[in-house]
Amino acid sequence: MATQALAVNGAKVYIASRTLEKLEKVRDIYGKNIDGEIVPITADVSTKADIKKLVDEISSKESHLDILINNAGISINTQETEASSAEELKSNLFDDKDETFEMWADTFKTNVAQLFFMTSAFLPLLQKATEHQHGYSGTVINISSISGIVKTSQHHFAYNASKAAAIHLSTMLSNEISQNGLKIRVNSIAPGVFPSEMTQGESGDDQKSHLPKEKYEDKTSAQRPGKDEDMGSAILFAATNQYLNAQVRYLQQSLEYFH
């Protein structure tokens, strides 16, 4: 969604993940007859070594980086949270063999730590974007989730806790970057229900996932899940609004979340 929004508006977009085949499919499908360009690069953003290689490769091709979007995220385990006794709730939450310290660590490694290491590694290229064009500041957009602010666990404590941490991490990064005199904006977008491999469990040949509208008619104020256009417009707003910094933009709060 973010890649398309930027590329069709003329940006050269480097997309990174561990699977080259998926990256090339995105380029081949959505990189034709557009004003911009989509460039695949394989990288595992959950390791410092791969992040350094990613920075080095982009540095060899570009003098600066205008926008960094951190979009990697995982949800490993779900739990039964309804119980009729303390013993049953303990069994659901503690005795679950898939609910481990390692699972929590893996979730936070991808959903939180990579935001920190990706942002800090790209600071020099982002600052050069600010220096390259008067009136523009390099920007970081961290994709979090509305799950990071809701009171329910939604059956995955680790994921929701990691998204809350990601939102606060974005605030801290923005503050420390500013305190050091750098003009790099850091904001977070926290989507509600959007189609993705995480929410749907799969994607089609077009690298898109789909959610049925009727499933969310009584769960969101818009009476539907989010669309590509909704995310795309949020990305463009966060990227171009030079006054927006240290903010969280929520996309479609669900009616049931705060009940």
C-alpha atoms as a PDB file:
ATOM      1  CA  MET A   1       0.000   0.000   0.000  1.00  0.00           C
ATOM      2  CA  ALA A   2       2.750   2.439   0.999  1.00  0.00           C
ATOM      3  CA  THR A   3       4.960   1.380  -1.908  1.00  0.00           C
ATOM      4  CA  GLN A   4       2.218   2.005  -4.440  1.00  0.00           C
ATOM      5  CA  ALA A   5       1.235   5.359  -2.962  1.00  0.00           C
ATOM      6  CA  LEU A   6       4.772   6.685  -3.190  1.00  0.00           C
ATOM      7  CA  ALA A   7       5.807   5.082  -6.486  1.00  0.00           C
ATOM      8  CA  VAL A   8       2.773   6.228  -8.486  1.00  0.00           C
ATOM      9  CA  ASN A   9       3.515   9.752  -7.277  1.00  0.00           C
ATOM     10  CA  GLY A  10       7.020   9.664  -8.698  1.00  0.00           C
ATOM     11  CA  ALA A  11       9.173   8.281  -5.881  1.00  0.00           C
ATOM     12  CA  LYS A  12      11.942   5.766  -6.322  1.00  0.00           C
ATOM     13  CA  VAL A  13      11.008   3.174  -3.692  1.00  0.00           C
ATOM     14  CA  TYR A  14      13.418   0.556  -2.386  1.00  0.00           C
ATOM     15  CA  ILE A  15      11.485  -2.383  -0.915  1.00  0.00           C
ATOM     16  CA  ALA A  16      13.207  -4.875   1.356  1.00  0.00           C
ATOM     17  CA  SER A  17      12.328  -8.280   2.770  1.00  0.00           C
ATOM     18  CA  ARG A  18      13.858 -11.727   3.089  1.00  0.00           C
ATOM     19  CA  THR A  19      12.030 -13.145   0.049  1.00  0.00           C
ATOM     20  CA  LEU A  20      13.256 -11.895  -3.331  1.00  0.00           C
ATOM     21  CA  GLU A  21      10.460 -13.643  -5.234  1.00  0.00           C
ATOM     22  CA  LYS A  22       7.777 -11.638  -3.418  1.00  0.00           C
ATOM     23  CA  LEU A  23       9.685  -8.404  -3.893  1.00  0.00           C
ATOM     24  CA  GLU A  24      10.099  -8.981  -7.610  1.00  0.00           C
ATOM     25  CA  LYS A  25       6.418  -9.804  -7.973  1.00  0.00           C
ATOM     26  CA  VAL A  26       5.502  -6.470  -6.364  1.00  0.00           C
ATOM     27  CA  ARG A  27       7.866  -4.674  -8.746  1.00  0.00           C
ATOM     28  CA  ASP A  28       6.580  -6.531 -11.804  1.00  0.00           C
ATOM     29  CA  ILE A  29       2.904  -5.993 -10.990  1.00  0.00           C
ATOM     30  CA  TYR A  30       2.905  -2.467  -9.587  1.00  0.00           C
ATOM     31  CA  GLY A  31       6.030  -0.942 -11.123  1.00  0.00           C
ATOM     32  CA  LYS A  32       4.734  -0.640 -14.689  1.00  0.00           C
ATOM     33  CA  ASN A  33       3.539   2.581 -16.314  1.00  0.00           C
ATOM     34  CA  ILE A  34       4.089   4.706 -13.223  1.00  0.00           C
ATOM     35  CA  ASP A  35       6.012   7.925 -12.636  1.00  0.00           C
ATOM     36  CA  GLY A  36       8.263   6.349 -10.017  1.00  0.00           C
ATOM     37  CA  GLU A  37      10.230   3.141  -9.637  1.00  0.00           C
ATOM     38  CA  ILE A  38      10.162   0.068  -7.374  1.00  0.00           C
ATOM     39  CA  VAL A  39      13.538  -1.488  -6.563  1.00  0.00           C
ATOM     40  CA  PRO A  40      13.733  -4.822  -4.654  1.00  0.00           C
ATOM     41  CA  ILE A  41      16.531  -5.514  -2.151  1.00  0.00           C
ATOM     42  CA  THR A  42      16.721  -8.665  -0.038  1.00  0.00           C
ATOM     43  CA  ALA A  43      17.408  -8.033   3.642  1.00  0.00           C
ATOM     44  CA  ASP A  44      16.437  -9.346   7.045  1.00  0.00           C
ATOM     45  CA  VAL A  45      15.714  -6.196   9.030  1.00  0.00           C
ATOM     46  CA  SER A  46      15.716  -8.135  12.291  1.00  0.00           C
ATOM     47  CA  THR A  47      19.525  -8.426  12.194  1.00  0.00           C
ATOM     48  CA  LYS A  48      22.073  -5.621  12.520  1.00  0.00           C
ATOM     49  CA  ALA A  49      24.334  -7.221   9.924  1.00  0.00           C
ATOM     50  CA  ASP A  50      21.624  -7.143   7.234  1.00  0.00           C
ATOM     51  CA  ILE A  51      20.570  -3.631   8.210  1.00  0.00           C
ATOM     52  CA  LYS A  52      24.164  -2.452   7.747  1.00  0.00           C
ATOM     53  CA  LYS A  53      24.312  -4.135   4.331  1.00  0.00           C
ATOM     54  CA  LEU A  54      21.023  -2.455   3.403  1.00  0.00           C
ATOM     55  CA  VAL A  55      22.352   0.963   4.410  1.00  0.00           C
ATOM     56  CA  ASP A  56      25.591   0.367   2.516  1.00  0.00           C
ATOM     57  CA  GLU A  57      23.770  -0.723  -0.643  1.00  0.00           C
ATOM     58  CA  ILE A  58      21.421   2.254  -0.670  1.00  0.00           C
ATOM     59  CA  SER A  59      24.304   4.593   0.177  1.00  0.00           C
ATOM     60  CA  SER A  60      26.159   3.303  -2.867  1.00  0.00           C
ATOM     61  CA  LYS A  61      23.225   4.279  -5.072  1.00  0.00           C
ATOM     62  CA  GLU A  62      21.753   7.390  -3.434  1.00  0.00           C
ATOM     63  CA  SER A  63      23.177  10.547  -1.890  1.00  0.00           C
ATOM     64  CA  HIS A  64      20.300  10.746   0.601  1.00  0.00           C
ATOM     65  CA  LEU A  65      17.104   9.014   1.748  1.00  0.00           C
ATOM     66  CA  ASP A  66      13.968  11.136   1.951  1.00  0.00           C
ATOM     67  CA  ILE A  67      11.594   8.648   3.600  1.00  0.00           C
ATOM     68  CA  LEU A  68      12.148   5.534   5.701  1.00  0.00           C
ATOM     69  CA  ILE A  69       9.088   3.356   6.322  1.00  0.00           C
ATOM     70  CA  ASN A  70       9.475   0.593   8.905  1.00  0.00           C
ATOM     71  CA  ASN A  71       6.681  -1.857   8.153  1.00  0.00           C
ATOM     72  CA  ALA A  72       7.926  -5.281   9.314  1.00  0.00           C
ATOM     73  CA  GLY A  73       5.724  -7.006  11.868  1.00  0.00           C
ATOM     74  CA  ILE A  74       4.835 -10.470  13.156  1.00  0.00           C
ATOM     75  CA  SER A  75       2.254 -12.084  15.420  1.00  0.00           C
ATOM     76  CA  ILE A  76       3.339 -15.568  16.449  1.00  0.00           C
ATOM     77  CA  ASN A  77       0.851 -16.950  18.967  1.00  0.00           C
ATOM     78  CA  THR A  78      -2.778 -16.510  19.970  1.00  0.00           C
ATOM     79  CA  GLN A  79      -4.331 -17.463  23.287  1.00  0.00           C
ATOM     80  CA  GLU A  80      -7.727 -18.235  24.737  1.00  0.00           C
ATOM     81  CA  THR A  81      -8.356 -15.371  27.143  1.00  0.00           C
ATOM     82  CA  GLU A  82     -11.903 -16.187  28.266  1.00  0.00           C
ATOM     83  CA  ALA A  83     -12.067 -18.196  31.493  1.00  0.00           C
ATOM     84  CA  SER A  84     -14.464 -18.933  34.343  1.00  0.00           C
ATOM     85  CA  SER A  85     -11.833 -19.222  37.077  1.00  0.00           C
ATOM     86  CA  ALA A  86      -8.324 -18.117  37.998  1.00  0.00           C
ATOM     87  CA  GLU A  87      -7.117 -21.675  37.433  1.00  0.00           C
ATOM     88  CA  GLU A  88      -8.544 -21.759  33.911  1.00  0.00           C
ATOM     89  CA  LEU A  89      -7.091 -18.349  33.032  1.00  0.00           C
ATOM     90  CA  LYS A  90      -3.703 -19.441  34.397  1.00  0.00           C
ATOM     91  CA  SER A  91      -3.917 -22.554  32.245  1.00  0.00           C
ATOM     92  CA  ASN A  92      -4.762 -20.494  29.143  1.00  0.00           C
ATOM     93  CA  LEU A  93      -2.031 -17.949  29.628  1.00  0.00           C
ATOM     94  CA  PHE A  94       0.805 -19.724  31.429  1.00  0.00           C
ATOM     95  CA  ASP A  95       0.477 -23.411  30.591  1.00  0.00           C
ATOM     96  CA  ASP A  96       0.178 -22.743  26.847  1.00  0.00           C
ATOM     97  CA  LYS A  97       3.308 -24.434  25.453  1.00  0.00           C
ATOM     98  CA  ASP A  98       3.527 -21.949  22.581  1.00  0.00           C
ATOM     99  CA  GLU A  99       3.559 -18.969  24.939  1.00  0.00           C
ATOM    100  CA  THR A 100       7.255 -18.761  25.743  1.00  0.00           C
ATOM    101  CA  PHE A 101       9.872 -16.181  26.602  1.00  0.00           C
ATOM    102  CA  GLU A 102      11.442 -16.926  23.219  1.00  0.00           C
ATOM    103  CA  MET A 103       8.162 -16.174  21.414  1.00  0.00           C
ATOM    104  CA  TRP A 104       7.858 -12.859  23.233  1.00  0.00           C
ATOM    105  CA  ALA A 105      11.493 -12.037  22.431  1.00  0.00           C
ATOM    106  CA  ASP A 106      11.004 -12.842  18.734  1.00  0.00           C
ATOM    107  CA  THR A 107       7.878 -10.678  18.603  1.00  0.00           C
ATOM    108  CA  PHE A 108       9.613  -7.699  20.193  1.00  0.00           C
ATOM    109  CA  LYS A 109      12.724  -8.248  18.061  1.00  0.00           C
ATOM    110  CA  THR A 110      10.754  -7.732  14.857  1.00  0.00           C
ATOM    111  CA  ASN A 111       8.037  -5.329  16.013  1.00  0.00           C
ATOM    112  CA  VAL A 112      10.108  -3.045  18.222  1.00  0.00           C
ATOM    113  CA  ALA A 113      13.876  -3.541  18.053  1.00  0.00           C
ATOM    114  CA  GLN A 114      14.034  -3.367  14.251  1.00  0.00           C
ATOM    115  CA  LEU A 115      12.364   0.066  14.365  1.00  0.00           C
ATOM    116  CA  PHE A 116      15.165   1.279  16.618  1.00  0.00           C
ATOM    117  CA  PHE A 117      18.025  -0.224  14.637  1.00  0.00           C
ATOM    118  CA  MET A 118      16.632   0.663  11.193  1.00  0.00           C
ATOM    119  CA  THR A 119      15.967   4.268  12.196  1.00  0.00           C
ATOM    120  CA  SER A 120      19.326   4.784  13.891  1.00  0.00           C
ATOM    121  CA  ALA A 121      21.250   3.155  11.030  1.00  0.00           C
ATOM    122  CA  PHE A 122      19.678   5.412   8.408  1.00  0.00           C
ATOM    123  CA  LEU A 123      20.039   8.697  10.331  1.00  0.00           C
ATOM    124  CA  PRO A 124      22.960  10.029   8.245  1.00  0.00           C
ATOM    125  CA  LEU A 125      21.144   9.433   4.936  1.00  0.00           C
ATOM    126  CA  LEU A 126      17.929  10.928   6.343  1.00  0.00           C
ATOM    127  CA  GLN A 127      19.756  14.028   7.588  1.00  0.00           C
ATOM    128  CA  LYS A 128      21.324  14.439   4.149  1.00  0.00           C
ATOM    129  CA  ALA A 129      17.800  14.568   2.705  1.00  0.00           C
ATOM    130  CA  THR A 130      17.067  17.527   4.985  1.00  0.00           C
ATOM    131  CA  GLU A 131      20.248  19.249   3.867  1.00  0.00           C
ATOM    132  CA  HIS A 132      19.593  18.411   0.201  1.00  0.00           C
ATOM    133  CA  GLN A 133      16.319  20.328  -0.144  1.00  0.00           C
ATOM    134  CA  HIS A 134      15.457  23.532   1.687  1.00  0.00           C
ATOM    135  CA  GLY A 135      12.114  23.334   3.463  1.00  0.00           C
ATOM    136  CA  TYR A 136      12.032  19.542   3.529  1.00  0.00           C
ATOM    137  CA  SER A 137      13.042  17.240   6.380  1.00  0.00           C
ATOM    138  CA  GLY A 138      13.924  13.582   6.115  1.00  0.00           C
ATOM    139  CA  THR A 139      11.220  11.489   7.711  1.00  0.00           C
ATOM    140  CA  VAL A 140      10.653   8.127   9.382  1.00  0.00           C
ATOM    141  CA  ILE A 141       7.222   6.499   9.333  1.00  0.00           C
ATOM    142  CA  ASN A 142       6.824   3.573  11.698  1.00  0.00           C
ATOM    143  CA  ILE A 143       3.839   1.341  10.993  1.00  0.00           C
ATOM    144  CA  SER A 144       2.445   0.267  14.339  1.00  0.00           C
ATOM    145  CA  SER A 145      -1.139  -0.787  15.074  1.00  0.00           C
ATOM    146  CA  ILE A 146      -4.208   0.398  16.890  1.00  0.00           C
ATOM    147  CA  SER A 147      -3.708  -2.804  18.888  1.00  0.00           C
ATOM    148  CA  GLY A 148      -1.005  -0.889  20.744  1.00  0.00           C
ATOM    149  CA  ILE A 149      -3.517   1.380  22.487  1.00  0.00           C
ATOM    150  CA  VAL A 150      -6.581  -0.819  23.050  1.00  0.00           C
ATOM    151  CA  LYS A 151      -7.447  -2.275  26.448  1.00  0.00           C
ATOM    152  CA  THR A 152      -8.136  -5.809  25.193  1.00  0.00           C
ATOM    153  CA  SER A 153      -5.382  -8.282  24.371  1.00  0.00           C
ATOM    154  CA  GLN A 154      -7.287  -9.469  21.284  1.00  0.00           C
ATOM    155  CA  HIS A 155      -5.957 -12.942  22.131  1.00  0.00           C
ATOM    156  CA  HIS A 156      -2.311 -11.972  21.571  1.00  0.00           C
ATOM    157  CA  PHE A 157      -0.669 -10.220  24.512  1.00  0.00           C
ATOM    158  CA  ALA A 158       2.823 -10.196  23.038  1.00  0.00           C
ATOM    159  CA  TYR A 159       1.751  -8.575  19.774  1.00  0.00           C
ATOM    160  CA  ASN A 160      -0.334  -5.836  21.406  1.00  0.00           C
ATOM    161  CA  ALA A 161       2.363  -5.107  23.977  1.00  0.00           C
ATOM    162  CA  SER A 162       4.960  -4.856  21.208  1.00  0.00           C
ATOM    163  CA  LYS A 163       2.829  -2.400  19.261  1.00  0.00           C
ATOM    164  CA  ALA A 164       2.399  -0.232  22.356  1.00  0.00           C
ATOM    165  CA  ALA A 165       6.180  -0.286  22.738  1.00  0.00           C
ATOM    166  CA  ALA A 166       6.617   0.621  19.064  1.00  0.00           C
ATOM    167  CA  ILE A 167       4.388   3.667  19.445  1.00  0.00           C
ATOM    168  CA  HIS A 168       6.333   4.904  22.473  1.00  0.00           C
ATOM    169  CA  LEU A 169       9.665   4.112  20.822  1.00  0.00           C
ATOM    170  CA  SER A 170       8.701   6.385  17.915  1.00  0.00           C
ATOM    171  CA  THR A 171       8.054   9.205  20.390  1.00  0.00           C
ATOM    172  CA  MET A 172      11.393   8.683  22.129  1.00  0.00           C
ATOM    173  CA  LEU A 173      13.308   8.525  18.845  1.00  0.00           C
ATOM    174  CA  SER A 174      11.695  11.748  17.671  1.00  0.00           C
ATOM    175  CA  ASN A 175      12.636  13.488  20.910  1.00  0.00           C
ATOM    176  CA  GLU A 176      16.255  12.316  21.003  1.00  0.00           C
ATOM    177  CA  ILE A 177      16.809  13.109  17.326  1.00  0.00           C
ATOM    178  CA  SER A 178      15.428  16.603  17.837  1.00  0.00           C
ATOM    179  CA  GLN A 179      17.436  17.155  21.043  1.00  0.00           C
ATOM    180  CA  ASN A 180      20.596  16.455  19.065  1.00  0.00           C
ATOM    181  CA  GLY A 181      19.801  19.184  16.571  1.00  0.00           C
ATOM    182  CA  LEU A 182      18.867  16.916  13.663  1.00  0.00           C
ATOM    183  CA  LYS A 183      15.890  17.778  11.480  1.00  0.00           C
ATOM    184  CA  ILE A 184      14.406  14.335  10.925  1.00  0.00           C
ATOM    185  CA  ARG A 185      10.736  13.772  11.650  1.00  0.00           C
ATOM    186  CA  VAL A 186       9.574  10.501  13.233  1.00  0.00           C
ATOM    187  CA  ASN A 187       5.886   9.609  13.206  1.00  0.00           C
ATOM    188  CA  SER A 188       3.830   6.476  13.652  1.00  0.00           C
ATOM    189  CA  ILE A 189       0.776   5.247  11.769  1.00  0.00           C
ATOM    190  CA  ALA A 190      -1.407   2.871  13.780  1.00  0.00           C
ATOM    191  CA  PRO A 191      -3.886   1.171  11.432  1.00  0.00           C
ATOM    192  CA  GLY A 192      -7.063  -0.561  12.490  1.00  0.00           C
ATOM    193  CA  VAL A 193      -8.341  -3.498  10.446  1.00  0.00           C
ATOM    194  CA  PHE A 194      -6.621  -3.649   7.056  1.00  0.00           C
ATOM    195  CA  PRO A 195      -6.204  -6.636   4.722  1.00  0.00           C
ATOM    196  CA  SER A 196      -2.757  -8.197   5.084  1.00  0.00           C
ATOM    197  CA  GLU A 197      -1.083 -11.551   5.398  1.00  0.00           C
ATOM    198  CA  MET A 198      -1.263 -11.085   9.162  1.00  0.00           C
ATOM    199  CA  THR A 199      -5.016 -10.435   9.338  1.00  0.00           C
ATOM    200  CA  GLN A 200      -5.983 -12.810   6.544  1.00  0.00           C
ATOM    201  CA  GLY A 201      -3.247 -15.422   6.789  1.00  0.00           C
ATOM    202  CA  GLU A 202      -2.399 -15.293   3.108  1.00  0.00           C
ATOM    203  CA  SER A 203      -2.030 -13.138   0.028  1.00  0.00           C
ATOM    204  CA  GLY A 204      -3.019 -13.700  -3.587  1.00  0.00           C
ATOM    205  CA  ASP A 205      -0.990 -13.754  -6.778  1.00  0.00           C
ATOM    206  CA  ASP A 206      -1.144  -9.955  -6.755  1.00  0.00           C
ATOM    207  CA  GLN A 207       0.548  -9.872  -3.319  1.00  0.00           C
ATOM    208  CA  LYS A 208      -2.696  -8.505  -1.872  1.00  0.00           C
ATOM    209  CA  SER A 209      -4.959  -9.823   0.867  1.00  0.00           C
ATOM    210  CA  HIS A 210      -8.700  -9.297   1.054  1.00  0.00           C
ATOM    211  CA  LEU A 211     -11.163  -8.982   3.932  1.00  0.00           C
ATOM    212  CA  PRO A 212     -14.962  -9.259   3.470  1.00  0.00           C
ATOM    213  CA  LYS A 213     -16.738  -5.952   4.036  1.00  0.00           C
ATOM    214  CA  GLU A 214     -19.754  -7.537   5.711  1.00  0.00           C
ATOM    215  CA  LYS A 215     -17.575  -8.994   8.484  1.00  0.00           C
ATOM    216  CA  TYR A 216     -16.829  -5.489   9.768  1.00  0.00           C
ATOM    217  CA  GLU A 217     -20.129  -3.678   9.195  1.00  0.00           C
ATOM    218  CA  ASP A 218     -20.868  -3.582  12.940  1.00  0.00           C
ATOM    219  CA  LYS A 219     -17.259  -3.389  14.138  1.00  0.00           C
ATOM    220  CA  THR A 220     -15.899  -0.182  12.631  1.00  0.00           C
ATOM    221  CA  SER A 221     -17.378   3.268  12.304  1.00  0.00           C
ATOM    222  CA  ALA A 222     -16.702   3.108   8.552  1.00  0.00           C
ATOM    223  CA  GLN A 223     -18.573  -0.232   8.414  1.00  0.00           C
ATOM    224  CA  ARG A 224     -15.729  -1.827   6.440  1.00  0.00           C
ATOM    225  CA  PRO A 225     -12.050  -2.732   6.702  1.00  0.00           C
ATOM    226  CA  GLY A 226      -9.441  -0.271   5.477  1.00  0.00           C
ATOM    227  CA  LYS A 227      -8.541   0.075   1.803  1.00  0.00           C
ATOM    228  CA  ASP A 228      -5.292   0.699  -0.041  1.00  0.00           C
ATOM    229  CA  GLU A 229      -6.377   4.291  -0.629  1.00  0.00           C
ATOM    230  CA  ASP A 230      -6.857   4.876   3.105  1.00  0.00           C
ATOM    231  CA  MET A 231      -3.344   3.745   3.933  1.00  0.00           C
ATOM    232  CA  GLY A 232      -1.843   5.445   0.895  1.00  0.00           C
ATOM    233  CA  SER A 233      -3.271   8.847   1.777  1.00  0.00           C
ATOM    234  CA  ALA A 234      -2.024   8.502   5.363  1.00  0.00           C
ATOM    235  CA  ILE A 235       1.481   7.686   4.111  1.00  0.00           C
ATOM    236  CA  LEU A 236       1.520  10.692   1.775  1.00  0.00           C
ATOM    237  CA  PHE A 237       0.291  12.970   4.585  1.00  0.00           C
ATOM    238  CA  ALA A 238       2.959  11.775   7.014  1.00  0.00           C
ATOM    239  CA  ALA A 239       5.665  12.039   4.369  1.00  0.00           C
ATOM    240  CA  THR A 240       4.836  15.518   3.142  1.00  0.00           C
ATOM    241  CA  ASN A 241       3.509  17.453   6.153  1.00  0.00           C
ATOM    242  CA  GLN A 242       6.622  19.178   7.456  1.00  0.00           C
ATOM    243  CA  TYR A 243       4.973  20.198  10.750  1.00  0.00           C
ATOM    244  CA  LEU A 244       4.023  16.660  11.719  1.00  0.00           C
ATOM    245  CA  ASN A 245       6.489  15.162  14.203  1.00  0.00           C
ATOM    246  CA  ALA A 246       6.316  12.754  17.158  1.00  0.00           C
ATOM    247  CA  GLN A 247       2.685  12.014  16.323  1.00  0.00           C
ATOM    248  CA  VAL A 248       0.606   8.846  16.042  1.00  0.00           C
ATOM    249  CA  ARG A 249      -2.027   8.827  13.291  1.00  0.00           C
ATOM    250  CA  TYR A 250      -4.791   6.312  13.977  1.00  0.00           C
ATOM    251  CA  LEU A 251      -6.580   4.801  10.980  1.00  0.00           C
ATOM    252  CA  GLN A 252     -10.157   3.683  11.645  1.00  0.00           C
ATOM    253  CA  GLN A 253     -10.655   3.010  15.302  1.00  0.00           C
ATOM    254  CA  SER A 254     -12.916   0.027  15.845  1.00  0.00           C
ATOM    255  CA  LEU A 255     -16.125   0.673  17.746  1.00  0.00           C
ATOM    256  CA  GLU A 256     -15.593  -2.362  19.941  1.00  0.00           C
ATOM    257  CA  TYR A 257     -12.028  -1.677  21.036  1.00  0.00           C
ATOM    258  CA  PHE A 258     -12.820   0.722  23.872  1.00  0.00           C
ATOM    259  CA  HIS A 259     -15.947  -1.045  25.180  1.00  0.00           C
END
